[in-house]
Amino acid sequence: MRERDVERKLVNAVKAAGGICPKWVSPGFDGMPDRIVILPGSKIAFVEVKAPGEKPRPLQLSRHQLLRRLGFKVFVLDNIEKIGGIIDEIRTT
């Protein structure tokens, strides 16, 4: 399975949960997560999508830490089986 397949499953699952999952493009600020998950009830988190078994690059990890220090949830998704758990965790925080 490729990264774009995992990403498509995430977008569809977020839509099914009543939210949106726009792609995040951040010109001039590399390393930011691929998607923003926005769910009903003002729930927002960031998701770095990877192909199965792939890991974030060091710059991506640094950006994830920055977002976490600012109080946001950041997830790394490399397995479609994790999507439901990620959505549940975003809903409950």
PDB file of N, CA and C in Angstrom:
ATOM      1  N   MET A   1       0.850  -1.179   0.000  1.00  0.00           N
ATOM      2  CA  MET A   1       0.000   0.000   0.000  1.00  0.00           C
ATOM      3  C   MET A   1       0.898   1.245   0.000  1.00  0.00           C
ATOM      4  N   ARG A   2       0.515   2.228  -0.776  1.00  0.00           N
ATOM      5  CA  ARG A   2       1.296   3.456  -0.883  1.00  0.00           C
ATOM      6  C   ARG A   2       0.750   4.536   0.049  1.00  0.00           C
ATOM      7  N   GLU A   3       1.571   5.563   0.240  1.00  0.00           N
ATOM      8  CA  GLU A   3       1.181   6.660   1.125  1.00  0.00           C
ATOM      9  C   GLU A   3      -0.131   7.290   0.695  1.00  0.00           C
ATOM     10  N   ARG A   4      -0.297   7.492  -0.587  1.00  0.00           N
ATOM     11  CA  ARG A   4      -1.531   8.147  -1.041  1.00  0.00           C
ATOM     12  C   ARG A   4      -2.768   7.292  -0.755  1.00  0.00           C
ATOM     13  N   ASP A   5      -2.609   5.964  -0.722  1.00  0.00           N
ATOM     14  CA  ASP A   5      -3.733   5.086  -0.389  1.00  0.00           C
ATOM     15  C   ASP A   5      -4.120   5.250   1.082  1.00  0.00           C
ATOM     16  N   VAL A   6      -3.117   5.331   1.942  1.00  0.00           N
ATOM     17  CA  VAL A   6      -3.363   5.548   3.370  1.00  0.00           C
ATOM     18  C   VAL A   6      -4.035   6.909   3.565  1.00  0.00           C
ATOM     19  N   GLU A   7      -3.525   7.913   2.859  1.00  0.00           N
ATOM     20  CA  GLU A   7      -4.066   9.271   2.964  1.00  0.00           C
ATOM     21  C   GLU A   7      -5.531   9.322   2.515  1.00  0.00           C
ATOM     22  N   ARG A   8      -5.842   8.655   1.427  1.00  0.00           N
ATOM     23  CA  ARG A   8      -7.221   8.636   0.924  1.00  0.00           C
ATOM     24  C   ARG A   8      -8.165   7.991   1.943  1.00  0.00           C
ATOM     25  N   LYS A   9      -7.723   6.910   2.572  1.00  0.00           N
ATOM     26  CA  LYS A   9      -8.553   6.238   3.590  1.00  0.00           C
ATOM     27  C   LYS A   9      -8.787   7.172   4.777  1.00  0.00           C
ATOM     28  N   LEU A  10      -7.753   7.915   5.175  1.00  0.00           N
ATOM     29  CA  LEU A  10      -7.909   8.872   6.273  1.00  0.00           C
ATOM     30  C   LEU A  10      -8.945   9.930   5.918  1.00  0.00           C
ATOM     31  N   VAL A  11      -8.819  10.532   4.754  1.00  0.00           N
ATOM     32  CA  VAL A  11      -9.747  11.586   4.328  1.00  0.00           C
ATOM     33  C   VAL A  11     -11.182  11.056   4.324  1.00  0.00           C
ATOM     34  N   ASN A  12     -11.387   9.873   3.795  1.00  0.00           N
ATOM     35  CA  ASN A  12     -12.737   9.294   3.741  1.00  0.00           C
ATOM     36  C   ASN A  12     -13.283   9.012   5.129  1.00  0.00           C
ATOM     37  N   ALA A  13     -12.446   8.521   6.021  1.00  0.00           N
ATOM     38  CA  ALA A  13     -12.895   8.215   7.389  1.00  0.00           C
ATOM     39  C   ALA A  13     -13.253   9.493   8.144  1.00  0.00           C
ATOM     40  N   VAL A  14     -12.473  10.537   7.959  1.00  0.00           N
ATOM     41  CA  VAL A  14     -12.780  11.810   8.625  1.00  0.00           C
ATOM     42  C   VAL A  14     -14.093  12.374   8.086  1.00  0.00           C
ATOM     43  N   LYS A  15     -14.308  12.293   6.785  1.00  0.00           N
ATOM     44  CA  LYS A  15     -15.579  12.746   6.205  1.00  0.00           C
ATOM     45  C   LYS A  15     -16.745  11.955   6.781  1.00  0.00           C
ATOM     46  N   ALA A  16     -16.570  10.643   6.913  1.00  0.00           N
ATOM     47  CA  ALA A  16     -17.618   9.795   7.476  1.00  0.00           C
ATOM     48  C   ALA A  16     -17.906  10.155   8.935  1.00  0.00           C
ATOM     49  N   ALA A  17     -16.918  10.709   9.622  1.00  0.00           N
ATOM     50  CA  ALA A  17     -17.084  11.125  11.018  1.00  0.00           C
ATOM     51  C   ALA A  17     -17.644  12.539  11.126  1.00  0.00           C
ATOM     52  N   GLY A  18     -17.977  13.147   9.989  1.00  0.00           N
ATOM     53  CA  GLY A  18     -18.580  14.468   9.988  1.00  0.00           C
ATOM     54  C   GLY A  18     -17.587  15.617   9.948  1.00  0.00           C
ATOM     55  N   GLY A  19     -16.324  15.299   9.655  1.00  0.00           N
ATOM     56  CA  GLY A  19     -15.302  16.334   9.641  1.00  0.00           C
ATOM     57  C   GLY A  19     -14.727  16.575   8.262  1.00  0.00           C
ATOM     58  N   ILE A  20     -13.667  17.366   8.251  1.00  0.00           N
ATOM     59  CA  ILE A  20     -12.923  17.606   7.021  1.00  0.00           C
ATOM     60  C   ILE A  20     -11.445  17.331   7.289  1.00  0.00           C
ATOM     61  N   CYS A  21     -10.719  17.063   6.225  1.00  0.00           N
ATOM     62  CA  CYS A  21      -9.315  16.668   6.355  1.00  0.00           C
ATOM     63  C   CYS A  21      -8.503  17.287   5.212  1.00  0.00           C
ATOM     64  N   PRO A  22      -8.360  18.629   5.227  1.00  0.00           N
ATOM     65  CA  PRO A  22      -7.642  19.266   4.128  1.00  0.00           C
ATOM     66  C   PRO A  22      -6.147  18.964   4.145  1.00  0.00           C
ATOM     67  N   LYS A  23      -5.582  18.946   2.953  1.00  0.00           N
ATOM     68  CA  LYS A  23      -4.139  18.807   2.811  1.00  0.00           C
ATOM     69  C   LYS A  23      -3.524  20.124   3.249  1.00  0.00           C
ATOM     70  N   TRP A  24      -2.431  20.028   3.990  1.00  0.00           N
ATOM     71  CA  TRP A  24      -1.777  21.230   4.476  1.00  0.00           C
ATOM     72  C   TRP A  24      -0.511  21.461   3.685  1.00  0.00           C
ATOM     73  N   VAL A  25      -0.481  22.556   2.953  1.00  0.00           N
ATOM     74  CA  VAL A  25       0.703  22.952   2.212  1.00  0.00           C
ATOM     75  C   VAL A  25       1.222  24.210   2.895  1.00  0.00           C
ATOM     76  N   SER A  26       2.474  24.182   3.303  1.00  0.00           N
ATOM     77  CA  SER A  26       3.042  25.283   4.073  1.00  0.00           C
ATOM     78  C   SER A  26       4.306  25.795   3.389  1.00  0.00           C
ATOM     79  N   PRO A  27       4.149  26.621   2.358  1.00  0.00           N
ATOM     80  CA  PRO A  27       5.322  27.132   1.636  1.00  0.00           C
ATOM     81  C   PRO A  27       6.278  27.874   2.571  1.00  0.00           C
ATOM     82  N   GLY A  28       7.551  27.572   2.449  1.00  0.00           N
ATOM     83  CA  GLY A  28       8.564  28.234   3.253  1.00  0.00           C
ATOM     84  C   GLY A  28       8.710  27.689   4.655  1.00  0.00           C
ATOM     85  N   PHE A  29       7.925  26.681   4.999  1.00  0.00           N
ATOM     86  CA  PHE A  29       7.997  26.087   6.341  1.00  0.00           C
ATOM     87  C   PHE A  29       7.889  24.577   6.193  1.00  0.00           C
ATOM     88  N   ASP A  30       8.933  23.974   5.653  1.00  0.00           N
ATOM     89  CA  ASP A  30       8.947  22.537   5.364  1.00  0.00           C
ATOM     90  C   ASP A  30       8.800  21.693   6.623  1.00  0.00           C
ATOM     91  N   GLY A  31       8.364  20.460   6.409  1.00  0.00           N
ATOM     92  CA  GLY A  31       8.301  19.484   7.484  1.00  0.00           C
ATOM     93  C   GLY A  31       6.995  19.430   8.233  1.00  0.00           C
ATOM     94  N   MET A  32       6.032  20.247   7.854  1.00  0.00           N
ATOM     95  CA  MET A  32       4.752  20.243   8.561  1.00  0.00           C
ATOM     96  C   MET A  32       3.946  19.003   8.159  1.00  0.00           C
ATOM     97  N   PRO A  33       3.042  18.547   9.043  1.00  0.00           N
ATOM     98  CA  PRO A  33       2.249  17.358   8.740  1.00  0.00           C
ATOM     99  C   PRO A  33       1.427  17.516   7.460  1.00  0.00           C
ATOM    100  N   ASP A  34       1.074  16.377   6.870  1.00  0.00           N
ATOM    101  CA  ASP A  34       0.375  16.357   5.586  1.00  0.00           C
ATOM    102  C   ASP A  34      -1.075  16.833   5.656  1.00  0.00           C
ATOM    103  N   ARG A  35      -1.757  16.502   6.737  1.00  0.00           N
ATOM    104  CA  ARG A  35      -3.200  16.754   6.825  1.00  0.00           C
ATOM    105  C   ARG A  35      -3.571  17.394   8.154  1.00  0.00           C
ATOM    106  N   ILE A  36      -4.597  18.235   8.091  1.00  0.00           N
ATOM    107  CA  ILE A  36      -5.232  18.780   9.281  1.00  0.00           C
ATOM    108  C   ILE A  36      -6.573  18.064   9.406  1.00  0.00           C
ATOM    109  N   VAL A  37      -6.849  17.506  10.566  1.00  0.00           N
ATOM    110  CA  VAL A  37      -8.132  16.848  10.818  1.00  0.00           C
ATOM    111  C   VAL A  37      -8.966  17.800  11.660  1.00  0.00           C
ATOM    112  N   ILE A  38     -10.133  18.167  11.128  1.00  0.00           N
ATOM    113  CA  ILE A  38     -11.039  19.073  11.826  1.00  0.00           C
ATOM    114  C   ILE A  38     -12.364  18.342  12.007  1.00  0.00           C
ATOM    115  N   LEU A  39     -12.717  18.118  13.270  1.00  0.00           N
ATOM    116  CA  LEU A  39     -13.935  17.378  13.596  1.00  0.00           C
ATOM    117  C   LEU A  39     -14.927  18.283  14.313  1.00  0.00           C
ATOM    118  N   PRO A  40     -16.208  17.903  14.299  1.00  0.00           N
ATOM    119  CA  PRO A  40     -17.212  18.689  15.021  1.00  0.00           C
ATOM    120  C   PRO A  40     -16.801  18.891  16.481  1.00  0.00           C
ATOM    121  N   GLY A  41     -17.211  20.022  17.025  1.00  0.00           N
ATOM    122  CA  GLY A  41     -16.894  20.317  18.413  1.00  0.00           C
ATOM    123  C   GLY A  41     -15.545  21.004  18.583  1.00  0.00           C
ATOM    124  N   SER A  42     -15.059  21.641  17.526  1.00  0.00           N
ATOM    125  CA  SER A  42     -13.781  22.380  17.565  1.00  0.00           C
ATOM    126  C   SER A  42     -12.588  21.481  17.854  1.00  0.00           C
ATOM    127  N   LYS A  43     -12.609  20.284  17.338  1.00  0.00           N
ATOM    128  CA  LYS A  43     -11.514  19.336  17.533  1.00  0.00           C
ATOM    129  C   LYS A  43     -10.577  19.399  16.328  1.00  0.00           C
ATOM    130  N   ILE A  44      -9.299  19.697  16.589  1.00  0.00           N
ATOM    131  CA  ILE A  44      -8.314  19.824  15.523  1.00  0.00           C
ATOM    132  C   ILE A  44      -7.052  19.055  15.896  1.00  0.00           C
ATOM    133  N   ALA A  45      -6.500  18.349  14.922  1.00  0.00           N
ATOM    134  CA  ALA A  45      -5.229  17.646  15.103  1.00  0.00           C
ATOM    135  C   ALA A  45      -4.529  17.584  13.754  1.00  0.00           C
ATOM    136  N   PHE A  46      -3.283  17.171  13.788  1.00  0.00           N
ATOM    137  CA  PHE A  46      -2.461  17.088  12.586  1.00  0.00           C
ATOM    138  C   PHE A  46      -2.029  15.645  12.376  1.00  0.00           C
ATOM    139  N   VAL A  47      -1.976  15.224  11.115  1.00  0.00           N
ATOM    140  CA  VAL A  47      -1.599  13.847  10.802  1.00  0.00           C
ATOM    141  C   VAL A  47      -0.510  13.847   9.733  1.00  0.00           C
ATOM    142  N   GLU A  48       0.584  13.206  10.060  1.00  0.00           N
ATOM    143  CA  GLU A  48       1.663  12.932   9.106  1.00  0.00           C
ATOM    144  C   GLU A  48       1.376  11.558   8.523  1.00  0.00           C
ATOM    145  N   VAL A  49       1.181  11.478   7.232  1.00  0.00           N
ATOM    146  CA  VAL A  49       0.841  10.214   6.576  1.00  0.00           C
ATOM    147  C   VAL A  49       2.099   9.625   5.955  1.00  0.00           C
ATOM    148  N   LYS A  50       2.300   8.340   6.202  1.00  0.00           N
ATOM    149  CA  LYS A  50       3.451   7.619   5.671  1.00  0.00           C
ATOM    150  C   LYS A  50       2.987   6.299   5.074  1.00  0.00           C
ATOM    151  N   ALA A  51       3.758   5.791   4.137  1.00  0.00           N
ATOM    152  CA  ALA A  51       3.518   4.437   3.641  1.00  0.00           C
ATOM    153  C   ALA A  51       3.817   3.470   4.786  1.00  0.00           C
ATOM    154  N   PRO A  52       3.210   2.296   4.774  1.00  0.00           N
ATOM    155  CA  PRO A  52       3.455   1.341   5.852  1.00  0.00           C
ATOM    156  C   PRO A  52       4.946   1.109   6.090  1.00  0.00           C
ATOM    157  N   GLY A  53       5.323   1.242   7.359  1.00  0.00           N
ATOM    158  CA  GLY A  53       6.700   1.003   7.766  1.00  0.00           C
ATOM    159  C   GLY A  53       7.624   2.197   7.646  1.00  0.00           C
ATOM    160  N   GLU A  54       7.205   3.266   6.980  1.00  0.00           N
ATOM    161  CA  GLU A  54       8.052   4.451   6.851  1.00  0.00           C
ATOM    162  C   GLU A  54       7.962   5.305   8.111  1.00  0.00           C
ATOM    163  N   LYS A  55       9.025   6.048   8.377  1.00  0.00           N
ATOM    164  CA  LYS A  55       9.113   6.902   9.559  1.00  0.00           C
ATOM    165  C   LYS A  55       9.292   8.360   9.124  1.00  0.00           C
ATOM    166  N   PRO A  56       8.884   9.302   9.972  1.00  0.00           N
ATOM    167  CA  PRO A  56       9.082  10.714   9.654  1.00  0.00           C
ATOM    168  C   PRO A  56      10.573  11.076   9.614  1.00  0.00           C
ATOM    169  N   ARG A  57      10.896  12.046   8.777  1.00  0.00           N
ATOM    170  CA  ARG A  57      12.259  12.577   8.696  1.00  0.00           C
ATOM    171  C   ARG A  57      12.533  13.443   9.934  1.00  0.00           C
ATOM    172  N   PRO A  58      13.800  13.691  10.240  1.00  0.00           N
ATOM    173  CA  PRO A  58      14.124  14.509  11.417  1.00  0.00           C
ATOM    174  C   PRO A  58      13.446  15.883  11.424  1.00  0.00           C
ATOM    175  N   LEU A  59      13.384  16.561  10.284  1.00  0.00           N
ATOM    176  CA  LEU A  59      12.713  17.861  10.242  1.00  0.00           C
ATOM    177  C   LEU A  59      11.231  17.712  10.568  1.00  0.00           C
ATOM    178  N   GLN A  60      10.610  16.664  10.072  1.00  0.00           N
ATOM    179  CA  GLN A  60       9.197  16.429  10.373  1.00  0.00           C
ATOM    180  C   GLN A  60       9.004  16.200  11.868  1.00  0.00           C
ATOM    181  N   LEU A  61       9.883  15.421  12.473  1.00  0.00           N
ATOM    182  CA  LEU A  61       9.786  15.180  13.923  1.00  0.00           C
ATOM    183  C   LEU A  61       9.925  16.479  14.702  1.00  0.00           C
ATOM    184  N   SER A  62      10.805  17.351  14.240  1.00  0.00           N
ATOM    185  CA  SER A  62      10.975  18.648  14.882  1.00  0.00           C
ATOM    186  C   SER A  62       9.698  19.474  14.785  1.00  0.00           C
ATOM    187  N   ARG A  63       9.065  19.478  13.638  1.00  0.00           N
ATOM    188  CA  ARG A  63       7.804  20.227  13.465  1.00  0.00           C
ATOM    189  C   ARG A  63       6.690  19.623  14.322  1.00  0.00           C
ATOM    190  N   HIS A  64       6.676  18.299  14.437  1.00  0.00           N
ATOM    191  CA  HIS A  64       5.679  17.643  15.288  1.00  0.00           C
ATOM    192  C   HIS A  64       5.850  18.097  16.737  1.00  0.00           C
ATOM    193  N   GLN A  65       7.101  18.147  17.197  1.00  0.00           N
ATOM    194  CA  GLN A  65       7.364  18.597  18.564  1.00  0.00           C
ATOM    195  C   GLN A  65       6.913  20.038  18.769  1.00  0.00           C
ATOM    196  N   LEU A  66       7.163  20.885  17.782  1.00  0.00           N
ATOM    197  CA  LEU A  66       6.732  22.281  17.856  1.00  0.00           C
ATOM    198  C   LEU A  66       5.218  22.370  18.020  1.00  0.00           C
ATOM    199  N   LEU A  67       4.489  21.646  17.198  1.00  0.00           N
ATOM    200  CA  LEU A  67       3.028  21.673  17.283  1.00  0.00           C
ATOM    201  C   LEU A  67       2.538  21.131  18.623  1.00  0.00           C
ATOM    202  N   ARG A  68       3.182  20.084  19.124  1.00  0.00           N
ATOM    203  CA  ARG A  68       2.791  19.530  20.432  1.00  0.00           C
ATOM    204  C   ARG A  68       3.056  20.535  21.548  1.00  0.00           C
ATOM    205  N   ARG A  69       4.183  21.249  21.468  1.00  0.00           N
ATOM    206  CA  ARG A  69       4.470  22.282  22.482  1.00  0.00           C
ATOM    207  C   ARG A  69       3.406  23.377  22.457  1.00  0.00           C
ATOM    208  N   LEU A  70       2.829  23.613  21.291  1.00  0.00           N
ATOM    209  CA  LEU A  70       1.764  24.601  21.161  1.00  0.00           C
ATOM    210  C   LEU A  70       0.403  24.056  21.597  1.00  0.00           C
ATOM    211  N   GLY A  71       0.364  22.794  21.985  1.00  0.00           N
ATOM    212  CA  GLY A  71      -0.858  22.209  22.525  1.00  0.00           C
ATOM    213  C   GLY A  71      -1.691  21.390  21.564  1.00  0.00           C
ATOM    214  N   PHE A  72      -1.162  21.090  20.377  1.00  0.00           N
ATOM    215  CA  PHE A  72      -1.917  20.315  19.397  1.00  0.00           C
ATOM    216  C   PHE A  72      -1.538  18.846  19.436  1.00  0.00           C
ATOM    217  N   LYS A  73      -2.479  18.015  19.075  1.00  0.00           N
ATOM    218  CA  LYS A  73      -2.220  16.585  18.890  1.00  0.00           C
ATOM    219  C   LYS A  73      -1.623  16.395  17.501  1.00  0.00           C
ATOM    220  N   VAL A  74      -0.598  15.546  17.414  1.00  0.00           N
ATOM    221  CA  VAL A  74       0.033  15.206  16.145  1.00  0.00           C
ATOM    222  C   VAL A  74       0.170  13.698  16.092  1.00  0.00           C
ATOM    223  N   PHE A  75      -0.262  13.113  14.996  1.00  0.00           N
ATOM    224  CA  PHE A  75      -0.214  11.665  14.815  1.00  0.00           C
ATOM    225  C   PHE A  75       0.595  11.324  13.574  1.00  0.00           C
ATOM    226  N   VAL A  76       1.260  10.176  13.632  1.00  0.00           N
ATOM    227  CA  VAL A  76       1.920   9.613  12.459  1.00  0.00           C
ATOM    228  C   VAL A  76       1.109   8.394  12.066  1.00  0.00           C
ATOM    229  N   LEU A  77       0.606   8.378  10.853  1.00  0.00           N
ATOM    230  CA  LEU A  77      -0.259   7.310  10.363  1.00  0.00           C
ATOM    231  C   LEU A  77       0.442   6.546   9.249  1.00  0.00           C
ATOM    232  N   ASP A  78       0.740   5.271   9.512  1.00  0.00           N
ATOM    233  CA  ASP A  78       1.369   4.434   8.488  1.00  0.00           C
ATOM    234  C   ASP A  78       0.626   3.117   8.302  1.00  0.00           C
ATOM    235  N   ASN A  79      -0.578   3.037   8.899  1.00  0.00           N
ATOM    236  CA  ASN A  79      -1.347   1.800   8.854  1.00  0.00           C
ATOM    237  C   ASN A  79      -2.825   2.177   8.908  1.00  0.00           C
ATOM    238  N   ILE A  80      -3.594   1.766   7.922  1.00  0.00           N
ATOM    239  CA  ILE A  80      -5.006   2.164   7.874  1.00  0.00           C
ATOM    240  C   ILE A  80      -5.790   1.658   9.086  1.00  0.00           C
ATOM    241  N   GLU A  81      -5.302   0.630   9.740  1.00  0.00           N
ATOM    242  CA  GLU A  81      -5.993   0.114  10.919  1.00  0.00           C
ATOM    243  C   GLU A  81      -5.931   1.077  12.093  1.00  0.00           C
ATOM    244  N   LYS A  82      -5.051   2.058  12.054  1.00  0.00           N
ATOM    245  CA  LYS A  82      -4.924   3.052  13.127  1.00  0.00           C
ATOM    246  C   LYS A  82      -5.883   4.222  12.967  1.00  0.00           C
ATOM    247  N   ILE A  83      -6.526   4.337  11.828  1.00  0.00           N
ATOM    248  CA  ILE A  83      -7.345   5.522  11.537  1.00  0.00           C
ATOM    249  C   ILE A  83      -8.475   5.698  12.551  1.00  0.00           C
ATOM    250  N   GLY A  84      -9.205   4.648  12.840  1.00  0.00           N
ATOM    251  CA  GLY A  84     -10.316   4.751  13.791  1.00  0.00           C
ATOM    252  C   GLY A  84      -9.860   5.206  15.160  1.00  0.00           C
ATOM    253  N   GLY A  85      -8.741   4.686  15.621  1.00  0.00           N
ATOM    254  CA  GLY A  85      -8.207   5.083  16.925  1.00  0.00           C
ATOM    255  C   GLY A  85      -7.773   6.536  16.943  1.00  0.00           C
ATOM    256  N   ILE A  86      -7.183   6.993  15.858  1.00  0.00           N
ATOM    257  CA  ILE A  86      -6.771   8.392  15.778  1.00  0.00           C
ATOM    258  C   ILE A  86      -7.998   9.301  15.830  1.00  0.00           C
ATOM    259  N   ILE A  87      -9.014   8.983  15.062  1.00  0.00           N
ATOM    260  CA  ILE A  87     -10.230   9.796  15.055  1.00  0.00           C
ATOM    261  C   ILE A  87     -10.861   9.802  16.445  1.00  0.00           C
ATOM    262  N   ASP A  88     -10.936   8.656  17.087  1.00  0.00           N
ATOM    263  CA  ASP A  88     -11.492   8.582  18.446  1.00  0.00           C
ATOM    264  C   ASP A  88     -10.703   9.444  19.432  1.00  0.00           C
ATOM    265  N   GLU A  89      -9.375   9.388  19.318  1.00  0.00           N
ATOM    266  CA  GLU A  89      -8.548  10.178  20.233  1.00  0.00           C
ATOM    267  C   GLU A  89      -8.739  11.680  19.996  1.00  0.00           C
ATOM    268  N   ILE A  90      -8.873  12.076  18.746  1.00  0.00           N
ATOM    269  CA  ILE A  90      -9.110  13.497  18.463  1.00  0.00           C
ATOM    270  C   ILE A  90     -10.463  13.924  19.033  1.00  0.00           C
ATOM    271  N   ARG A  91     -11.457  13.094  18.883  1.00  0.00           N
ATOM    272  CA  ARG A  91     -12.805  13.416  19.392  1.00  0.00           C
ATOM    273  C   ARG A  91     -12.818  13.609  20.894  1.00  0.00           C
ATOM    274  N   THR A  92     -12.008  12.848  21.609  1.00  0.00           N
ATOM    275  CA  THR A  92     -12.083  12.849  23.084  1.00  0.00           C
ATOM    276  C   THR A  92     -11.120  13.830  23.743  1.00  0.00           C
ATOM    277  N   THR A  93     -10.394  14.604  22.952  1.00  0.00           N
ATOM    278  CA  THR A  93      -9.460  15.573  23.567  1.00  0.00           C
ATOM    279  C   THR A  93      -9.941  16.984  23.351  1.00  0.00           C
TER     280      THR A  93
END
